[in-house]
């Protein structure tokens, strides 16, 4: 599934509540794919973190965002599930 769109960068965060919901860990992936399709975990975020969303992967109909490419920390970036971030 492609459907990747560049978006106007916007601020979001991984909150303490989101971390609690996901057992304390948000995985950042190398690509907007599953591990079965070749993506790998590049980092695990375990504390509240501010991020900037720069791209989104839409569902097959183009209406719902499934994954977001985020920039965070000192020049790090990767893909997370969209439901693992909170838009500011």
PDB file of N, CA and C in Angstrom:
ATOM      1  N   UNK A   1       0.840  -1.170   0.000  1.00  0.00           N
ATOM      2  CA  UNK A   1       0.000   0.000   0.000  1.00  0.00           C
ATOM      3  C   UNK A   1       0.888   1.237   0.000  1.00  0.00           C
ATOM      4  N   UNK A   2       0.702   2.107  -0.970  1.00  0.00           N
ATOM      5  CA  UNK A   2       1.490   3.337  -1.053  1.00  0.00           C
ATOM      6  C   UNK A   2       0.702   4.457  -0.378  1.00  0.00           C
ATOM      7  N   UNK A   3      -0.036   5.236  -1.147  1.00  0.00           N
ATOM      8  CA  UNK A   3      -0.862   6.327  -0.635  1.00  0.00           C
ATOM      9  C   UNK A   3      -0.134   7.204   0.379  1.00  0.00           C
ATOM     10  N   UNK A   4       1.124   7.557   0.097  1.00  0.00           N
ATOM     11  CA  UNK A   4       1.891   8.418   0.991  1.00  0.00           C
ATOM     12  C   UNK A   4       1.807   9.840   0.471  1.00  0.00           C
ATOM     13  N   UNK A   5       1.430  10.756   1.354  1.00  0.00           N
ATOM     14  CA  UNK A   5       1.317  12.161   0.979  1.00  0.00           C
ATOM     15  C   UNK A   5       2.203  13.009   1.881  1.00  0.00           C
ATOM     16  N   UNK A   6       2.840  13.989   1.259  1.00  0.00           N
ATOM     17  CA  UNK A   6       3.602  14.972   2.027  1.00  0.00           C
ATOM     18  C   UNK A   6       2.593  15.973   2.564  1.00  0.00           C
ATOM     19  N   UNK A   7       2.691  16.274   3.849  1.00  0.00           N
ATOM     20  CA  UNK A   7       1.756  17.196   4.475  1.00  0.00           C
ATOM     21  C   UNK A   7       2.498  18.440   4.940  1.00  0.00           C
ATOM     22  N   UNK A   8       1.749  19.502   5.156  1.00  0.00           N
ATOM     23  CA  UNK A   8       2.317  20.684   5.800  1.00  0.00           C
ATOM     24  C   UNK A   8       2.744  20.220   7.190  1.00  0.00           C
ATOM     25  N   UNK A   9       4.026  20.342   7.534  1.00  0.00           N
ATOM     26  CA  UNK A   9       4.482  19.829   8.832  1.00  0.00           C
ATOM     27  C   UNK A   9       3.640  20.373   9.991  1.00  0.00           C
ATOM     28  N   UNK A  10       3.284  19.477  10.903  1.00  0.00           N
ATOM     29  CA  UNK A  10       2.535  19.899  12.083  1.00  0.00           C
ATOM     30  C   UNK A  10       3.078  19.206  13.321  1.00  0.00           C
ATOM     31  N   UNK A  11       2.894  19.872  14.449  1.00  0.00           N
ATOM     32  CA  UNK A  11       3.384  19.371  15.734  1.00  0.00           C
ATOM     33  C   UNK A  11       2.416  18.352  16.307  1.00  0.00           C
ATOM     34  N   UNK A  12       2.980  17.336  16.925  1.00  0.00           N
ATOM     35  CA  UNK A  12       2.206  16.315  17.619  1.00  0.00           C
ATOM     36  C   UNK A  12       3.068  15.820  18.773  1.00  0.00           C
ATOM     37  N   UNK A  13       2.519  14.926  19.559  1.00  0.00           N
ATOM     38  CA  UNK A  13       3.315  14.390  20.662  1.00  0.00           C
ATOM     39  C   UNK A  13       2.908  12.961  20.972  1.00  0.00           C
ATOM     40  N   UNK A  14       3.850  12.286  21.572  1.00  0.00           N
ATOM     41  CA  UNK A  14       3.582  10.975  22.149  1.00  0.00           C
ATOM     42  C   UNK A  14       3.444  11.254  23.636  1.00  0.00           C
ATOM     43  N   UNK A  15       2.238  11.138  24.136  1.00  0.00           N
ATOM     44  CA  UNK A  15       1.937  11.524  25.512  1.00  0.00           C
ATOM     45  C   UNK A  15       2.102  10.348  26.480  1.00  0.00           C
ATOM     46  N   UNK A  16       2.091  10.674  27.752  1.00  0.00           N
ATOM     47  CA  UNK A  16       2.155   9.636  28.780  1.00  0.00           C
ATOM     48  C   UNK A  16       0.952   8.699  28.671  1.00  0.00           C
ATOM     49  N   UNK A  17      -0.211   9.242  28.336  1.00  0.00           N
ATOM     50  CA  UNK A  17      -1.414   8.435  28.184  1.00  0.00           C
ATOM     51  C   UNK A  17      -1.286   7.450  27.019  1.00  0.00           C
ATOM     52  N   UNK A  18      -0.715   7.926  25.908  1.00  0.00           N
ATOM     53  CA  UNK A  18      -0.509   7.040  24.761  1.00  0.00           C
ATOM     54  C   UNK A  18       0.476   5.940  25.128  1.00  0.00           C
ATOM     55  N   UNK A  19       1.553   6.308  25.794  1.00  0.00           N
ATOM     56  CA  UNK A  19       2.532   5.298  26.207  1.00  0.00           C
ATOM     57  C   UNK A  19       1.891   4.249  27.113  1.00  0.00           C
ATOM     58  N   UNK A  20       1.054   4.691  28.034  1.00  0.00           N
ATOM     59  CA  UNK A  20       0.386   3.755  28.936  1.00  0.00           C
ATOM     60  C   UNK A  20      -0.503   2.789  28.147  1.00  0.00           C
ATOM     61  N   UNK A  21      -1.218   3.326  27.170  1.00  0.00           N
ATOM     62  CA  UNK A  21      -2.113   2.512  26.344  1.00  0.00           C
ATOM     63  C   UNK A  21      -1.335   1.441  25.561  1.00  0.00           C
ATOM     64  N   UNK A  22      -0.097   1.767  25.159  1.00  0.00           N
ATOM     65  CA  UNK A  22       0.712   0.867  24.338  1.00  0.00           C
ATOM     66  C   UNK A  22       1.815   0.204  25.151  1.00  0.00           C
ATOM     67  N   UNK A  23       1.541  -0.064  26.415  1.00  0.00           N
ATOM     68  CA  UNK A  23       2.468  -0.787  27.296  1.00  0.00           C
ATOM     69  C   UNK A  23       3.833  -0.113  27.420  1.00  0.00           C
ATOM     70  N   UNK A  24       3.841   1.220  27.368  1.00  0.00           N
ATOM     71  CA  UNK A  24       5.062   1.974  27.634  1.00  0.00           C
ATOM     72  C   UNK A  24       6.023   2.127  26.483  1.00  0.00           C
ATOM     73  N   UNK A  25       5.647   1.659  25.291  1.00  0.00           N
ATOM     74  CA  UNK A  25       6.577   1.716  24.161  1.00  0.00           C
ATOM     75  C   UNK A  25       5.863   2.059  22.857  1.00  0.00           C
ATOM     76  N   UNK A  26       6.402   3.049  22.148  1.00  0.00           N
ATOM     77  CA  UNK A  26       5.969   3.349  20.791  1.00  0.00           C
ATOM     78  C   UNK A  26       7.143   3.018  19.885  1.00  0.00           C
ATOM     79  N   UNK A  27       6.927   2.105  18.970  1.00  0.00           N
ATOM     80  CA  UNK A  27       7.998   1.700  18.055  1.00  0.00           C
ATOM     81  C   UNK A  27       8.037   2.610  16.838  1.00  0.00           C
ATOM     82  N   UNK A  28       9.241   3.014  16.471  1.00  0.00           N
ATOM     83  CA  UNK A  28       9.466   3.829  15.280  1.00  0.00           C
ATOM     84  C   UNK A  28      10.032   2.895  14.213  1.00  0.00           C
ATOM     85  N   UNK A  29       9.392   2.887  13.054  1.00  0.00           N
ATOM     86  CA  UNK A  29       9.741   1.952  11.987  1.00  0.00           C
ATOM     87  C   UNK A  29      10.502   2.651  10.865  1.00  0.00           C
ATOM     88  N   UNK A  30      11.308   1.888  10.149  1.00  0.00           N
ATOM     89  CA  UNK A  30      12.113   2.416   9.054  1.00  0.00           C
ATOM     90  C   UNK A  30      11.265   2.802   7.839  1.00  0.00           C
ATOM     91  N   UNK A  31      10.151   2.128   7.658  1.00  0.00           N
ATOM     92  CA  UNK A  31       9.293   2.334   6.498  1.00  0.00           C
ATOM     93  C   UNK A  31       7.832   2.172   6.912  1.00  0.00           C
ATOM     94  N   UNK A  32       6.912   2.671   6.092  1.00  0.00           N
ATOM     95  CA  UNK A  32       5.487   2.519   6.426  1.00  0.00           C
ATOM     96  C   UNK A  32       4.951   1.152   6.014  1.00  0.00           C
ATOM     97  N   UNK A  33       5.608   0.106   6.501  1.00  0.00           N
ATOM     98  CA  UNK A  33       5.230  -1.274   6.188  1.00  0.00           C
ATOM     99  C   UNK A  33       5.252  -2.072   7.480  1.00  0.00           C
ATOM    100  N   UNK A  34       4.846  -3.310   7.375  1.00  0.00           N
ATOM    101  CA  UNK A  34       4.945  -4.216   8.518  1.00  0.00           C
ATOM    102  C   UNK A  34       6.309  -4.895   8.511  1.00  0.00           C
ATOM    103  N   UNK A  35       6.630  -5.561   9.597  1.00  0.00           N
ATOM    104  CA  UNK A  35       7.883  -6.310   9.682  1.00  0.00           C
ATOM    105  C   UNK A  35       7.904  -7.425   8.637  1.00  0.00           C
ATOM    106  N   UNK A  36       6.752  -7.998   8.364  1.00  0.00           N
ATOM    107  CA  UNK A  36       6.652  -9.063   7.366  1.00  0.00           C
ATOM    108  C   UNK A  36       7.048  -8.536   5.982  1.00  0.00           C
ATOM    109  N   UNK A  37       6.740  -7.265   5.730  1.00  0.00           N
ATOM    110  CA  UNK A  37       7.034  -6.659   4.431  1.00  0.00           C
ATOM    111  C   UNK A  37       8.423  -6.025   4.369  1.00  0.00           C
ATOM    112  N   UNK A  38       9.220  -6.165   5.434  1.00  0.00           N
ATOM    113  CA  UNK A  38      10.595  -5.703   5.385  1.00  0.00           C
ATOM    114  C   UNK A  38      10.950  -4.491   6.225  1.00  0.00           C
ATOM    115  N   UNK A  39       9.996  -3.898   6.904  1.00  0.00           N
ATOM    116  CA  UNK A  39      10.314  -2.752   7.763  1.00  0.00           C
ATOM    117  C   UNK A  39      10.999  -3.255   9.029  1.00  0.00           C
ATOM    118  N   UNK A  40      11.799  -2.387   9.637  1.00  0.00           N
ATOM    119  CA  UNK A  40      12.469  -2.754  10.890  1.00  0.00           C
ATOM    120  C   UNK A  40      12.284  -1.640  11.904  1.00  0.00           C
ATOM    121  N   UNK A  41      12.333  -1.998  13.153  1.00  0.00           N
ATOM    122  CA  UNK A  41      12.216  -1.016  14.226  1.00  0.00           C
ATOM    123  C   UNK A  41      13.553  -0.297  14.336  1.00  0.00           C
ATOM    124  N   UNK A  42      13.526   1.044  14.246  1.00  0.00           N
ATOM    125  CA  UNK A  42      14.758   1.826  14.345  1.00  0.00           C
ATOM    126  C   UNK A  42      14.941   2.429  15.734  1.00  0.00           C
ATOM    127  N   UNK A  43      13.844   2.530  16.482  1.00  0.00           N
ATOM    128  CA  UNK A  43      13.923   3.043  17.849  1.00  0.00           C
ATOM    129  C   UNK A  43      12.630   2.719  18.582  1.00  0.00           C
ATOM    130  N   UNK A  44      12.731   2.664  19.903  1.00  0.00           N
ATOM    131  CA  UNK A  44      11.551   2.512  20.752  1.00  0.00           C
ATOM    132  C   UNK A  44      11.492   3.729  21.660  1.00  0.00           C
ATOM    133  N   UNK A  45      10.398   4.469  21.573  1.00  0.00           N
ATOM    134  CA  UNK A  45      10.209   5.655  22.407  1.00  0.00           C
ATOM    135  C   UNK A  45       9.492   5.219  23.673  1.00  0.00           C
ATOM    136  N   UNK A  46      10.069   5.543  24.830  1.00  0.00           N
ATOM    137  CA  UNK A  46       9.510   5.090  26.104  1.00  0.00           C
ATOM    138  C   UNK A  46       9.171   6.233  27.060  1.00  0.00           C
ATOM    139  N   UNK A  47       9.298   7.477  26.595  1.00  0.00           N
ATOM    140  CA  UNK A  47       8.888   8.614  27.420  1.00  0.00           C
ATOM    141  C   UNK A  47       8.223   9.655  26.525  1.00  0.00           C
ATOM    142  N   UNK A  48       7.391  10.514  27.109  1.00  0.00           N
ATOM    143  CA  UNK A  48       6.698  11.515  26.298  1.00  0.00           C
ATOM    144  C   UNK A  48       7.681  12.284  25.408  1.00  0.00           C
ATOM    145  N   UNK A  49       7.288  12.446  24.147  1.00  0.00           N
ATOM    146  CA  UNK A  49       8.179  13.032  23.150  1.00  0.00           C
ATOM    147  C   UNK A  49       7.398  13.945  22.207  1.00  0.00           C
ATOM    148  N   UNK A  50       7.977  15.091  21.899  1.00  0.00           N
ATOM    149  CA  UNK A  50       7.409  15.998  20.903  1.00  0.00           C
ATOM    150  C   UNK A  50       7.900  15.556  19.526  1.00  0.00           C
ATOM    151  N   UNK A  51       7.005  15.549  18.538  1.00  0.00           N
ATOM    152  CA  UNK A  51       7.356  15.150  17.179  1.00  0.00           C
ATOM    153  C   UNK A  51       6.775  16.146  16.181  1.00  0.00           C
ATOM    154  N   UNK A  52       7.301  16.109  14.966  1.00  0.00           N
ATOM    155  CA  UNK A  52       6.741  16.874  13.851  1.00  0.00           C
ATOM    156  C   UNK A  52       6.385  15.882  12.755  1.00  0.00           C
ATOM    157  N   UNK A  53       5.140  15.896  12.338  1.00  0.00           N
ATOM    158  CA  UNK A  53       4.675  14.998  11.270  1.00  0.00           C
ATOM    159  C   UNK A  53       4.991  15.651   9.924  1.00  0.00           C
ATOM    160  N   UNK A  54       5.645  14.885   9.033  1.00  0.00           N
ATOM    161  CA  UNK A  54       6.023  15.427   7.728  1.00  0.00           C
ATOM    162  C   UNK A  54       5.379  14.682   6.552  1.00  0.00           C
ATOM    163  N   UNK A  55       4.949  13.444   6.780  1.00  0.00           N
ATOM    164  CA  UNK A  55       4.258  12.668   5.752  1.00  0.00           C
ATOM    165  C   UNK A  55       3.225  11.781   6.428  1.00  0.00           C
ATOM    166  N   UNK A  56       2.223  11.403   5.649  1.00  0.00           N
ATOM    167  CA  UNK A  56       1.203  10.487   6.156  1.00  0.00           C
ATOM    168  C   UNK A  56       0.932   9.409   5.120  1.00  0.00           C
ATOM    169  N   UNK A  57       0.632   8.223   5.608  1.00  0.00           N
ATOM    170  CA  UNK A  57       0.207   7.133   4.729  1.00  0.00           C
ATOM    171  C   UNK A  57      -1.288   6.949   4.953  1.00  0.00           C
ATOM    172  N   UNK A  58      -2.041   7.091   3.873  1.00  0.00           N
ATOM    173  CA  UNK A  58      -3.501   6.968   3.934  1.00  0.00           C
ATOM    174  C   UNK A  58      -3.929   5.520   3.699  1.00  0.00           C
ATOM    175  N   UNK A  59      -5.164   5.216   4.093  1.00  0.00           N
ATOM    176  CA  UNK A  59      -5.704   3.887   3.818  1.00  0.00           C
ATOM    177  C   UNK A  59      -5.958   3.748   2.319  1.00  0.00           C
ATOM    178  N   UNK A  60      -6.432   2.597   1.902  1.00  0.00           N
ATOM    179  CA  UNK A  60      -6.595   2.330   0.471  1.00  0.00           C
ATOM    180  C   UNK A  60      -7.610   3.253  -0.207  1.00  0.00           C
ATOM    181  N   UNK A  61      -8.484   3.876   0.581  1.00  0.00           N
ATOM    182  CA  UNK A  61      -9.469   4.806   0.019  1.00  0.00           C
ATOM    183  C   UNK A  61      -8.989   6.246   0.074  1.00  0.00           C
ATOM    184  N   UNK A  62      -7.879   6.486   0.762  1.00  0.00           N
ATOM    185  CA  UNK A  62      -7.314   7.823   0.850  1.00  0.00           C
ATOM    186  C   UNK A  62      -7.992   8.737   1.845  1.00  0.00           C
ATOM    187  N   UNK A  63      -8.818   8.179   2.719  1.00  0.00           N
ATOM    188  CA  UNK A  63      -9.563   9.028   3.645  1.00  0.00           C
ATOM    189  C   UNK A  63      -9.022   9.019   5.075  1.00  0.00           C
ATOM    190  N   UNK A  64      -8.456   7.913   5.519  1.00  0.00           N
ATOM    191  CA  UNK A  64      -7.963   7.808   6.888  1.00  0.00           C
ATOM    192  C   UNK A  64      -6.451   7.663   6.907  1.00  0.00           C
ATOM    193  N   UNK A  65      -5.812   8.351   7.853  1.00  0.00           N
ATOM    194  CA  UNK A  65      -4.369   8.232   8.002  1.00  0.00           C
ATOM    195  C   UNK A  65      -4.060   7.009   8.845  1.00  0.00           C
ATOM    196  N   UNK A  66      -3.181   6.154   8.339  1.00  0.00           N
ATOM    197  CA  UNK A  66      -2.803   4.953   9.074  1.00  0.00           C
ATOM    198  C   UNK A  66      -1.455   5.091   9.758  1.00  0.00           C
ATOM    199  N   UNK A  67      -0.486   5.699   9.076  1.00  0.00           N
ATOM    200  CA  UNK A  67       0.847   5.880   9.639  1.00  0.00           C
ATOM    201  C   UNK A  67       1.309   7.307   9.386  1.00  0.00           C
ATOM    202  N   UNK A  68       2.232   7.755  10.232  1.00  0.00           N
ATOM    203  CA  UNK A  68       2.780   9.099  10.082  1.00  0.00           C
ATOM    204  C   UNK A  68       4.299   9.036  10.143  1.00  0.00           C
ATOM    205  N   UNK A  69       4.944   9.765   9.246  1.00  0.00           N
ATOM    206  CA  UNK A  69       6.397   9.888   9.311  1.00  0.00           C
ATOM    207  C   UNK A  69       6.688  11.086  10.197  1.00  0.00           C
ATOM    208  N   UNK A  70       7.464  10.850  11.240  1.00  0.00           N
ATOM    209  CA  UNK A  70       7.731  11.897  12.224  1.00  0.00           C
ATOM    210  C   UNK A  70       9.222  12.192  12.314  1.00  0.00           C
ATOM    211  N   UNK A  71       9.511  13.453  12.646  1.00  0.00           N
ATOM    212  CA  UNK A  71      10.867  13.880  13.006  1.00  0.00           C
ATOM    213  C   UNK A  71      10.828  14.157  14.495  1.00  0.00           C
ATOM    214  N   UNK A  72      11.891  13.784  15.189  1.00  0.00           N
ATOM    215  CA  UNK A  72      11.943  13.983  16.633  1.00  0.00           C
ATOM    216  C   UNK A  72      13.399  13.982  17.062  1.00  0.00           C
ATOM    217  N   UNK A  73      13.645  14.402  18.284  1.00  0.00           N
ATOM    218  CA  UNK A  73      15.003  14.374  18.818  1.00  0.00           C
ATOM    219  C   UNK A  73      15.974  15.156  17.958  1.00  0.00           C
ATOM    220  N   UNK A  74      17.209  14.722  17.937  1.00  0.00           N
ATOM    221  CA  UNK A  74      18.267  15.393  17.192  1.00  0.00           C
ATOM    222  C   UNK A  74      18.365  14.828  15.777  1.00  0.00           C
ATOM    223  N   UNK A  75      17.425  15.200  14.922  1.00  0.00           N
ATOM    224  CA  UNK A  75      17.464  14.777  13.532  1.00  0.00           C
ATOM    225  C   UNK A  75      17.001  13.364  13.254  1.00  0.00           C
ATOM    226  N   UNK A  76      16.322  12.732  14.202  1.00  0.00           N
ATOM    227  CA  UNK A  76      15.826  11.371  13.991  1.00  0.00           C
ATOM    228  C   UNK A  76      14.486  11.427  13.272  1.00  0.00           C
ATOM    229  N   UNK A  77      14.192  10.377  12.505  1.00  0.00           N
ATOM    230  CA  UNK A  77      12.878  10.286  11.873  1.00  0.00           C
ATOM    231  C   UNK A  77      12.526   8.837  11.595  1.00  0.00           C
ATOM    232  N   UNK A  78      11.250   8.599  11.447  1.00  0.00           N
ATOM    233  CA  UNK A  78      10.750   7.260  11.173  1.00  0.00           C
ATOM    234  C   UNK A  78       9.234   7.271  11.145  1.00  0.00           C
ATOM    235  N   UNK A  79       8.654   6.097  10.983  1.00  0.00           N
ATOM    236  CA  UNK A  79       7.203   5.941  10.845  1.00  0.00           C
ATOM    237  C   UNK A  79       6.596   5.356  12.120  1.00  0.00           C
ATOM    238  N   UNK A  80       5.459   5.900  12.525  1.00  0.00           N
ATOM    239  CA  UNK A  80       4.706   5.375  13.668  1.00  0.00           C
ATOM    240  C   UNK A  80       3.247   5.206  13.247  1.00  0.00           C
ATOM    241  N   UNK A  81       2.533   4.374  13.970  1.00  0.00           N
ATOM    242  CA  UNK A  81       1.092   4.269  13.740  1.00  0.00           C
ATOM    243  C   UNK A  81       0.457   5.615  14.107  1.00  0.00           C
ATOM    244  N   UNK A  82      -0.446   6.078  13.282  1.00  0.00           N
ATOM    245  CA  UNK A  82      -1.055   7.396  13.503  1.00  0.00           C
ATOM    246  C   UNK A  82      -1.774   7.482  14.848  1.00  0.00           C
ATOM    247  N   UNK A  83      -2.333   6.382  15.306  1.00  0.00           N
ATOM    248  CA  UNK A  83      -3.050   6.399  16.580  1.00  0.00           C
ATOM    249  C   UNK A  83      -2.102   6.497  17.777  1.00  0.00           C
ATOM    250  N   UNK A  84      -0.795   6.468  17.538  1.00  0.00           N
ATOM    251  CA  UNK A  84       0.196   6.585  18.618  1.00  0.00           C
ATOM    252  C   UNK A  84       0.690   8.002  18.819  1.00  0.00           C
ATOM    253  N   UNK A  85       0.086   8.967  18.113  1.00  0.00           N
ATOM    254  CA  UNK A  85       0.452  10.367  18.311  1.00  0.00           C
ATOM    255  C   UNK A  85      -0.799  11.190  18.567  1.00  0.00           C
ATOM    256  N   UNK A  86      -0.612  12.302  19.243  1.00  0.00           N
ATOM    257  CA  UNK A  86      -1.700  13.231  19.517  1.00  0.00           C
ATOM    258  C   UNK A  86      -1.353  14.567  18.858  1.00  0.00           C
ATOM    259  N   UNK A  87      -2.202  15.016  17.937  1.00  0.00           N
ATOM    260  CA  UNK A  87      -1.973  16.294  17.262  1.00  0.00           C
ATOM    261  C   UNK A  87      -2.158  17.436  18.260  1.00  0.00           C
ATOM    262  N   UNK A  88      -1.308  18.435  18.145  1.00  0.00           N
ATOM    263  CA  UNK A  88      -1.401  19.588  19.065  1.00  0.00           C
ATOM    264  C   UNK A  88      -2.296  20.650  18.493  1.00  0.00           C
TER     265      UNK A  88
END
